[in-house]
Amino acid sequence: MHVVRLHRSLYPPREGLSDFFIWDDDFQKRRELNAPLEKILEDIWAILKKYEL
């Protein structure tokens, strides 16, 4: 599907948005800051899974 190909082509070589994260030396703070990004990635993945052939 075209949508899946576009998503995979965004950020080669890893194919997608999985490389986006916020770094902080404090592990707990890093987890808190990245939680919304993880949720977005999960939502995108759920949508893309519907279109994979």
PDB file of N, CA and C in Angstrom:
ATOM      1  N   MET A   1       0.844  -1.179   0.000  1.00  0.00           N
ATOM      2  CA  MET A   1       0.000   0.000   0.000  1.00  0.00           C
ATOM      3  C   MET A   1       0.885   1.237   0.000  1.00  0.00           C
ATOM      4  N   HIS A   2       0.421   2.254  -0.649  1.00  0.00           N
ATOM      5  CA  HIS A   2       1.166   3.501  -0.814  1.00  0.00           C
ATOM      6  C   HIS A   2       1.504   4.147   0.532  1.00  0.00           C
ATOM      7  N   VAL A   3       0.586   4.137   1.471  1.00  0.00           N
ATOM      8  CA  VAL A   3       0.802   4.752   2.784  1.00  0.00           C
ATOM      9  C   VAL A   3       1.961   4.081   3.506  1.00  0.00           C
ATOM     10  N   VAL A   4       2.013   2.774   3.472  1.00  0.00           N
ATOM     11  CA  VAL A   4       3.077   2.025   4.142  1.00  0.00           C
ATOM     12  C   VAL A   4       4.417   2.330   3.487  1.00  0.00           C
ATOM     13  N   ARG A   5       4.464   2.368   2.171  1.00  0.00           N
ATOM     14  CA  ARG A   5       5.719   2.686   1.469  1.00  0.00           C
ATOM     15  C   ARG A   5       6.198   4.086   1.831  1.00  0.00           C
ATOM     16  N   LEU A   6       5.290   5.030   1.898  1.00  0.00           N
ATOM     17  CA  LEU A   6       5.671   6.390   2.278  1.00  0.00           C
ATOM     18  C   LEU A   6       6.247   6.428   3.687  1.00  0.00           C
ATOM     19  N   HIS A   7       5.597   5.760   4.602  1.00  0.00           N
ATOM     20  CA  HIS A   7       6.079   5.731   5.984  1.00  0.00           C
ATOM     21  C   HIS A   7       7.475   5.132   6.054  1.00  0.00           C
ATOM     22  N   ARG A   8       7.697   4.052   5.350  1.00  0.00           N
ATOM     23  CA  ARG A   8       9.003   3.387   5.375  1.00  0.00           C
ATOM     24  C   ARG A   8      10.092   4.226   4.722  1.00  0.00           C
ATOM     25  N   SER A   9       9.719   5.091   3.813  1.00  0.00           N
ATOM     26  CA  SER A   9      10.720   5.894   3.110  1.00  0.00           C
ATOM     27  C   SER A   9      11.078   7.188   3.840  1.00  0.00           C
ATOM     28  N   LEU A  10      10.400   7.499   4.911  1.00  0.00           N
ATOM     29  CA  LEU A  10      10.633   8.766   5.600  1.00  0.00           C
ATOM     30  C   LEU A  10      12.054   8.915   6.117  1.00  0.00           C
ATOM     31  N   TYR A  11      12.547   7.911   6.804  1.00  0.00           N
ATOM     32  CA  TYR A  11      13.840   8.019   7.470  1.00  0.00           C
ATOM     33  C   TYR A  11      14.655   6.749   7.292  1.00  0.00           C
ATOM     34  N   PRO A  12      15.165   6.514   6.093  1.00  0.00           N
ATOM     35  CA  PRO A  12      15.973   5.318   5.872  1.00  0.00           C
ATOM     36  C   PRO A  12      17.270   5.399   6.681  1.00  0.00           C
ATOM     37  N   PRO A  13      17.923   4.359   7.049  1.00  0.00           N
ATOM     38  CA  PRO A  13      17.676   2.984   6.646  1.00  0.00           C
ATOM     39  C   PRO A  13      16.710   2.246   7.558  1.00  0.00           C
ATOM     40  N   ARG A  14      16.239   2.862   8.613  1.00  0.00           N
ATOM     41  CA  ARG A  14      15.411   2.128   9.578  1.00  0.00           C
ATOM     42  C   ARG A  14      13.936   2.138   9.248  1.00  0.00           C
ATOM     43  N   GLU A  15      13.544   2.857   8.264  1.00  0.00           N
ATOM     44  CA  GLU A  15      12.175   2.825   7.748  1.00  0.00           C
ATOM     45  C   GLU A  15      11.122   3.278   8.741  1.00  0.00           C
ATOM     46  N   GLY A  16      11.096   4.538   9.068  1.00  0.00           N
ATOM     47  CA  GLY A  16      10.002   5.016   9.886  1.00  0.00           C
ATOM     48  C   GLY A  16      10.397   6.032  10.930  1.00  0.00           C
ATOM     49  N   LEU A  17       9.514   6.211  11.869  1.00  0.00           N
ATOM     50  CA  LEU A  17       9.683   7.240  12.887  1.00  0.00           C
ATOM     51  C   LEU A  17      10.246   6.713  14.200  1.00  0.00           C
ATOM     52  N   SER A  18      10.694   5.493  14.227  1.00  0.00           N
ATOM     53  CA  SER A  18      11.120   4.877  15.482  1.00  0.00           C
ATOM     54  C   SER A  18      12.377   5.491  16.077  1.00  0.00           C
ATOM     55  N   ASP A  19      13.096   6.306  15.332  1.00  0.00           N
ATOM     56  CA  ASP A  19      14.328   6.897  15.847  1.00  0.00           C
ATOM     57  C   ASP A  19      14.097   8.190  16.612  1.00  0.00           C
ATOM     58  N   PHE A  20      12.879   8.650  16.706  1.00  0.00           N
ATOM     59  CA  PHE A  20      12.607   9.882  17.421  1.00  0.00           C
ATOM     60  C   PHE A  20      12.437   9.609  18.904  1.00  0.00           C
ATOM     61  N   PHE A  21      13.236  10.287  19.719  1.00  0.00           N
ATOM     62  CA  PHE A  21      13.100  10.184  21.163  1.00  0.00           C
ATOM     63  C   PHE A  21      13.743  11.405  21.798  1.00  0.00           C
ATOM     64  N   ILE A  22      13.406  11.637  23.048  1.00  0.00           N
ATOM     65  CA  ILE A  22      13.963  12.739  23.826  1.00  0.00           C
ATOM     66  C   ILE A  22      14.948  12.147  24.817  1.00  0.00           C
ATOM     67  N   TRP A  23      16.142  12.721  24.872  1.00  0.00           N
ATOM     68  CA  TRP A  23      17.153  12.214  25.797  1.00  0.00           C
ATOM     69  C   TRP A  23      17.249  13.121  27.017  1.00  0.00           C
ATOM     70  N   ASP A  24      17.329  12.495  28.176  1.00  0.00           N
ATOM     71  CA  ASP A  24      17.632  13.171  29.434  1.00  0.00           C
ATOM     72  C   ASP A  24      18.434  12.177  30.257  1.00  0.00           C
ATOM     73  N   ASP A  25      19.436  12.650  30.971  1.00  0.00           N
ATOM     74  CA  ASP A  25      20.263  11.743  31.767  1.00  0.00           C
ATOM     75  C   ASP A  25      19.469  11.051  32.872  1.00  0.00           C
ATOM     76  N   ASP A  26      18.423  11.689  33.336  1.00  0.00           N
ATOM     77  CA  ASP A  26      17.561  11.092  34.360  1.00  0.00           C
ATOM     78  C   ASP A  26      16.619  10.093  33.670  1.00  0.00           C
ATOM     79  N   PHE A  27      16.787   8.813  33.995  1.00  0.00           N
ATOM     80  CA  PHE A  27      16.016   7.761  33.323  1.00  0.00           C
ATOM     81  C   PHE A  27      14.511   7.957  33.473  1.00  0.00           C
ATOM     82  N   GLN A  28      14.055   8.252  34.682  1.00  0.00           N
ATOM     83  CA  GLN A  28      12.615   8.408  34.910  1.00  0.00           C
ATOM     84  C   GLN A  28      12.059   9.585  34.117  1.00  0.00           C
ATOM     85  N   LYS A  29      12.778  10.692  34.123  1.00  0.00           N
ATOM     86  CA  LYS A  29      12.332  11.861  33.357  1.00  0.00           C
ATOM     87  C   LYS A  29      12.299  11.534  31.864  1.00  0.00           C
ATOM     88  N   ARG A  30      13.314  10.812  31.382  1.00  0.00           N
ATOM     89  CA  ARG A  30      13.357  10.405  29.976  1.00  0.00           C
ATOM     90  C   ARG A  30      12.144   9.558  29.619  1.00  0.00           C
ATOM     91  N   ARG A  31      11.780   8.632  30.497  1.00  0.00           N
ATOM     92  CA  ARG A  31      10.593   7.801  30.246  1.00  0.00           C
ATOM     93  C   ARG A  31       9.331   8.647  30.183  1.00  0.00           C
ATOM     94  N   GLU A  32       9.208   9.597  31.108  1.00  0.00           N
ATOM     95  CA  GLU A  32       8.035  10.471  31.129  1.00  0.00           C
ATOM     96  C   GLU A  32       7.960  11.331  29.864  1.00  0.00           C
ATOM     97  N   LEU A  33       9.095  11.868  29.448  1.00  0.00           N
ATOM     98  CA  LEU A  33       9.117  12.728  28.264  1.00  0.00           C
ATOM     99  C   LEU A  33       8.818  11.958  26.983  1.00  0.00           C
ATOM    100  N   ASN A  34       9.228  10.708  26.937  1.00  0.00           N
ATOM    101  CA  ASN A  34       9.046   9.913  25.728  1.00  0.00           C
ATOM    102  C   ASN A  34       7.715   9.168  25.679  1.00  0.00           C
ATOM    103  N   ALA A  35       6.996   9.121  26.772  1.00  0.00           N
ATOM    104  CA  ALA A  35       5.718   8.400  26.800  1.00  0.00           C
ATOM    105  C   ALA A  35       4.743   8.892  25.723  1.00  0.00           C
ATOM    106  N   PRO A  36       4.562  10.208  25.556  1.00  0.00           N
ATOM    107  CA  PRO A  36       3.646  10.657  24.495  1.00  0.00           C
ATOM    108  C   PRO A  36       4.124  10.254  23.095  1.00  0.00           C
ATOM    109  N   LEU A  37       5.434  10.271  22.874  1.00  0.00           N
ATOM    110  CA  LEU A  37       5.962   9.852  21.570  1.00  0.00           C
ATOM    111  C   LEU A  37       5.710   8.371  21.333  1.00  0.00           C
ATOM    112  N   GLU A  38       5.879   7.566  22.365  1.00  0.00           N
ATOM    113  CA  GLU A  38       5.612   6.130  22.245  1.00  0.00           C
ATOM    114  C   GLU A  38       4.153   5.884  21.880  1.00  0.00           C
ATOM    115  N   LYS A  39       3.255   6.644  22.495  1.00  0.00           N
ATOM    116  CA  LYS A  39       1.824   6.502  22.207  1.00  0.00           C
ATOM    117  C   LYS A  39       1.533   6.849  20.748  1.00  0.00           C
ATOM    118  N   ILE A  40       2.138   7.918  20.268  1.00  0.00           N
ATOM    119  CA  ILE A  40       1.947   8.308  18.874  1.00  0.00           C
ATOM    120  C   ILE A  40       2.457   7.219  17.939  1.00  0.00           C
ATOM    121  N   LEU A  41       3.637   6.674  18.228  1.00  0.00           N
ATOM    122  CA  LEU A  41       4.189   5.601  17.397  1.00  0.00           C
ATOM    123  C   LEU A  41       3.288   4.374  17.403  1.00  0.00           C
ATOM    124  N   GLU A  42       2.740   4.040  18.564  1.00  0.00           N
ATOM    125  CA  GLU A  42       1.816   2.902  18.644  1.00  0.00           C
ATOM    126  C   GLU A  42       0.572   3.152  17.800  1.00  0.00           C
ATOM    127  N   ASP A  43       0.048   4.373  17.864  1.00  0.00           N
ATOM    128  CA  ASP A  43      -1.140   4.717  17.073  1.00  0.00           C
ATOM    129  C   ASP A  43      -0.849   4.645  15.574  1.00  0.00           C
ATOM    130  N   ILE A  44       0.288   5.185  15.165  1.00  0.00           N
ATOM    131  CA  ILE A  44       0.666   5.130  13.749  1.00  0.00           C
ATOM    132  C   ILE A  44       0.821   3.683  13.313  1.00  0.00           C
ATOM    133  N   TRP A  45       1.495   2.879  14.122  1.00  0.00           N
ATOM    134  CA  TRP A  45       1.707   1.475  13.773  1.00  0.00           C
ATOM    135  C   TRP A  45       0.372   0.738  13.636  1.00  0.00           C
ATOM    136  N   ALA A  46      -0.566   1.012  14.535  1.00  0.00           N
ATOM    137  CA  ALA A  46      -1.877   0.362  14.463  1.00  0.00           C
ATOM    138  C   ALA A  46      -2.586   0.712  13.155  1.00  0.00           C
ATOM    139  N   ILE A  47      -2.469   1.961  12.737  1.00  0.00           N
ATOM    140  CA  ILE A  47      -3.083   2.379  11.476  1.00  0.00           C
ATOM    141  C   ILE A  47      -2.394   1.705  10.296  1.00  0.00           C
ATOM    142  N   LEU A  48      -1.061   1.705  10.289  1.00  0.00           N
ATOM    143  CA  LEU A  48      -0.320   1.128   9.169  1.00  0.00           C
ATOM    144  C   LEU A  48      -0.518  -0.373   9.060  1.00  0.00           C
ATOM    145  N   LYS A  49      -0.673  -1.052  10.171  1.00  0.00           N
ATOM    146  CA  LYS A  49      -0.880  -2.502  10.132  1.00  0.00           C
ATOM    147  C   LYS A  49      -2.144  -2.867   9.365  1.00  0.00           C
ATOM    148  N   LYS A  50      -3.132  -1.983   9.379  1.00  0.00           N
ATOM    149  CA  LYS A  50      -4.375  -2.237   8.656  1.00  0.00           C
ATOM    150  C   LYS A  50      -4.154  -2.277   7.145  1.00  0.00           C
ATOM    151  N   TYR A  51      -3.118  -1.589   6.666  1.00  0.00           N
ATOM    152  CA  TYR A  51      -2.891  -1.456   5.234  1.00  0.00           C
ATOM    153  C   TYR A  51      -1.790  -2.344   4.693  1.00  0.00           C
ATOM    154  N   GLU A  52      -1.055  -3.024   5.550  1.00  0.00           N
ATOM    155  CA  GLU A  52       0.022  -3.886   5.060  1.00  0.00           C
ATOM    156  C   GLU A  52      -0.561  -5.077   4.334  1.00  0.00           C
ATOM    157  N   LEU A  53       0.082  -5.430   3.265  1.00  0.00           N
ATOM    158  CA  LEU A  53      -0.374  -6.563   2.461  1.00  0.00           C
ATOM    159  C   LEU A  53       0.516  -7.753   2.687  1.00  0.00           C
TER     160      LEU A  53
END
